Amino acid sequence: MTLSDRDLSQMDTDYLDKLPEGDLRPLSKQLFADLQEARERLKQSPKTS
């Protein structure tokens, strides 16, 4: 993953509101890539019920 747990814990709506617009697109791409990777990992892990 490209963003650490620490990175994510420091983000909130206030942080995003203060972020320059030019930084929002790269951040969105990082978050999207992380989400895709996390979902792919969930698909690969064995289901426990």
N, C-alpha and C. Protein backbone atom coordinates (compact mmCIF):
# COMPACT_ATOMS: atom_id res chain seq x y z
N MET A 1 0.84 -1.18 0.00
CA MET A 1 0.00 0.00 0.00
C MET A 1 0.88 1.25 0.00
N THR A 2 0.38 2.27 -0.58
CA THR A 2 1.19 3.47 -0.71
C THR A 2 1.05 4.42 0.48
N LEU A 3 -0.06 4.36 1.19
CA LEU A 3 -0.25 5.22 2.36
C LEU A 3 -0.15 4.38 3.63
N SER A 4 0.59 4.90 4.59
CA SER A 4 0.75 4.16 5.84
C SER A 4 -0.47 4.39 6.74
N ASP A 5 -0.57 3.57 7.77
CA ASP A 5 -1.64 3.76 8.75
C ASP A 5 -1.53 5.14 9.41
N ARG A 6 -0.31 5.57 9.62
CA ARG A 6 -0.09 6.90 10.22
C ARG A 6 -0.60 7.99 9.29
N ASP A 7 -0.30 7.86 7.98
CA ASP A 7 -0.80 8.83 7.01
C ASP A 7 -2.32 8.93 7.07
N LEU A 8 -2.96 7.79 7.06
CA LEU A 8 -4.43 7.77 7.06
C LEU A 8 -5.00 8.31 8.36
N SER A 9 -4.34 8.03 9.48
CA SER A 9 -4.86 8.51 10.77
C SER A 9 -4.78 10.02 10.90
N GLN A 10 -3.91 10.64 10.12
CA GLN A 10 -3.76 12.09 10.18
C GLN A 10 -4.72 12.81 9.23
N MET A 11 -5.44 12.08 8.41
CA MET A 11 -6.36 12.68 7.46
C MET A 11 -7.76 12.72 8.03
N ASP A 12 -8.41 13.85 7.83
CA ASP A 12 -9.82 13.98 8.13
C ASP A 12 -10.39 15.02 7.16
N THR A 13 -11.65 15.34 7.29
CA THR A 13 -12.25 16.27 6.33
C THR A 13 -11.61 17.66 6.40
N ASP A 14 -11.20 18.09 7.59
CA ASP A 14 -10.53 19.38 7.70
C ASP A 14 -9.20 19.38 6.94
N TYR A 15 -8.46 18.29 7.08
CA TYR A 15 -7.19 18.15 6.36
C TYR A 15 -7.42 18.24 4.86
N LEU A 16 -8.43 17.52 4.37
CA LEU A 16 -8.72 17.52 2.94
C LEU A 16 -9.19 18.88 2.46
N ASP A 17 -9.98 19.58 3.29
CA ASP A 17 -10.44 20.91 2.93
C ASP A 17 -9.30 21.90 2.79
N LYS A 18 -8.25 21.72 3.59
CA LYS A 18 -7.11 22.64 3.57
C LYS A 18 -6.06 22.27 2.53
N LEU A 19 -6.17 21.10 1.96
CA LEU A 19 -5.19 20.63 0.98
C LEU A 19 -5.33 21.42 -0.32
N PRO A 20 -4.22 21.89 -0.89
CA PRO A 20 -4.31 22.60 -2.17
C PRO A 20 -4.93 21.71 -3.25
N GLU A 21 -5.72 22.31 -4.12
CA GLU A 21 -6.42 21.52 -5.14
C GLU A 21 -5.47 20.68 -5.98
N GLY A 22 -4.29 21.18 -6.24
CA GLY A 22 -3.32 20.42 -7.03
C GLY A 22 -2.85 19.15 -6.37
N ASP A 23 -3.02 19.06 -5.04
CA ASP A 23 -2.61 17.85 -4.31
C ASP A 23 -3.74 16.84 -4.18
N LEU A 24 -4.96 17.25 -4.48
CA LEU A 24 -6.10 16.35 -4.31
C LEU A 24 -6.10 15.20 -5.32
N ARG A 25 -5.77 15.47 -6.57
CA ARG A 25 -5.79 14.41 -7.58
C ARG A 25 -4.76 13.32 -7.26
N PRO A 26 -3.49 13.67 -6.98
CA PRO A 26 -2.54 12.60 -6.62
C PRO A 26 -2.96 11.83 -5.38
N LEU A 27 -3.53 12.52 -4.38
CA LEU A 27 -4.00 11.82 -3.19
C LEU A 27 -5.15 10.89 -3.53
N SER A 28 -6.06 11.35 -4.38
CA SER A 28 -7.18 10.49 -4.79
C SER A 28 -6.68 9.24 -5.50
N LYS A 29 -5.67 9.38 -6.32
CA LYS A 29 -5.10 8.23 -7.02
C LYS A 29 -4.47 7.25 -6.04
N GLN A 30 -3.78 7.78 -5.02
CA GLN A 30 -3.18 6.91 -4.00
C GLN A 30 -4.26 6.17 -3.23
N LEU A 31 -5.28 6.89 -2.82
CA LEU A 31 -6.37 6.26 -2.06
C LEU A 31 -7.09 5.21 -2.89
N PHE A 32 -7.30 5.50 -4.16
CA PHE A 32 -7.96 4.55 -5.05
C PHE A 32 -7.11 3.28 -5.21
N ALA A 33 -5.81 3.45 -5.40
CA ALA A 33 -4.91 2.29 -5.55
C ALA A 33 -4.90 1.46 -4.26
N ASP A 34 -4.87 2.13 -3.12
CA ASP A 34 -4.90 1.42 -1.84
C ASP A 34 -6.20 0.65 -1.66
N LEU A 35 -7.31 1.27 -2.03
CA LEU A 35 -8.61 0.61 -1.91
C LEU A 35 -8.68 -0.62 -2.82
N GLN A 36 -8.19 -0.49 -4.04
CA GLN A 36 -8.20 -1.64 -4.95
C GLN A 36 -7.35 -2.78 -4.38
N GLU A 37 -6.18 -2.44 -3.85
CA GLU A 37 -5.29 -3.47 -3.30
C GLU A 37 -5.93 -4.13 -2.08
N ALA A 38 -6.56 -3.36 -1.22
CA ALA A 38 -7.20 -3.91 -0.04
C ALA A 38 -8.34 -4.85 -0.43
N ARG A 39 -9.14 -4.45 -1.40
CA ARG A 39 -10.25 -5.31 -1.83
C ARG A 39 -9.73 -6.59 -2.49
N GLU A 40 -8.65 -6.48 -3.23
CA GLU A 40 -8.07 -7.67 -3.86
C GLU A 40 -7.57 -8.64 -2.79
N ARG A 41 -6.97 -8.10 -1.75
CA ARG A 41 -6.50 -8.95 -0.65
C ARG A 41 -7.66 -9.64 0.05
N LEU A 42 -8.76 -8.91 0.23
CA LEU A 42 -9.92 -9.52 0.86
C LEU A 42 -10.49 -10.66 0.02
N LYS A 43 -10.46 -10.50 -1.29
CA LYS A 43 -10.96 -11.57 -2.17
C LYS A 43 -10.09 -12.82 -2.06
N GLN A 44 -8.78 -12.63 -1.83
CA GLN A 44 -7.85 -13.76 -1.81
C GLN A 44 -7.81 -14.47 -0.48
N SER A 45 -8.20 -13.81 0.61
CA SER A 45 -8.12 -14.45 1.91
C SER A 45 -9.26 -15.46 2.07
N PRO A 46 -8.98 -16.56 2.75
CA PRO A 46 -10.03 -17.56 2.93
C PRO A 46 -11.16 -17.01 3.77
N LYS A 47 -12.36 -17.40 3.40
CA LYS A 47 -13.54 -16.95 4.15
C LYS A 47 -13.70 -17.81 5.40
N THR A 48 -13.99 -17.12 6.50
CA THR A 48 -14.28 -17.85 7.74
C THR A 48 -15.67 -17.51 8.17
N SER A 49 -16.44 -18.53 8.47
CA SER A 49 -17.82 -18.28 8.90
C SER A 49 -18.21 -19.20 10.02
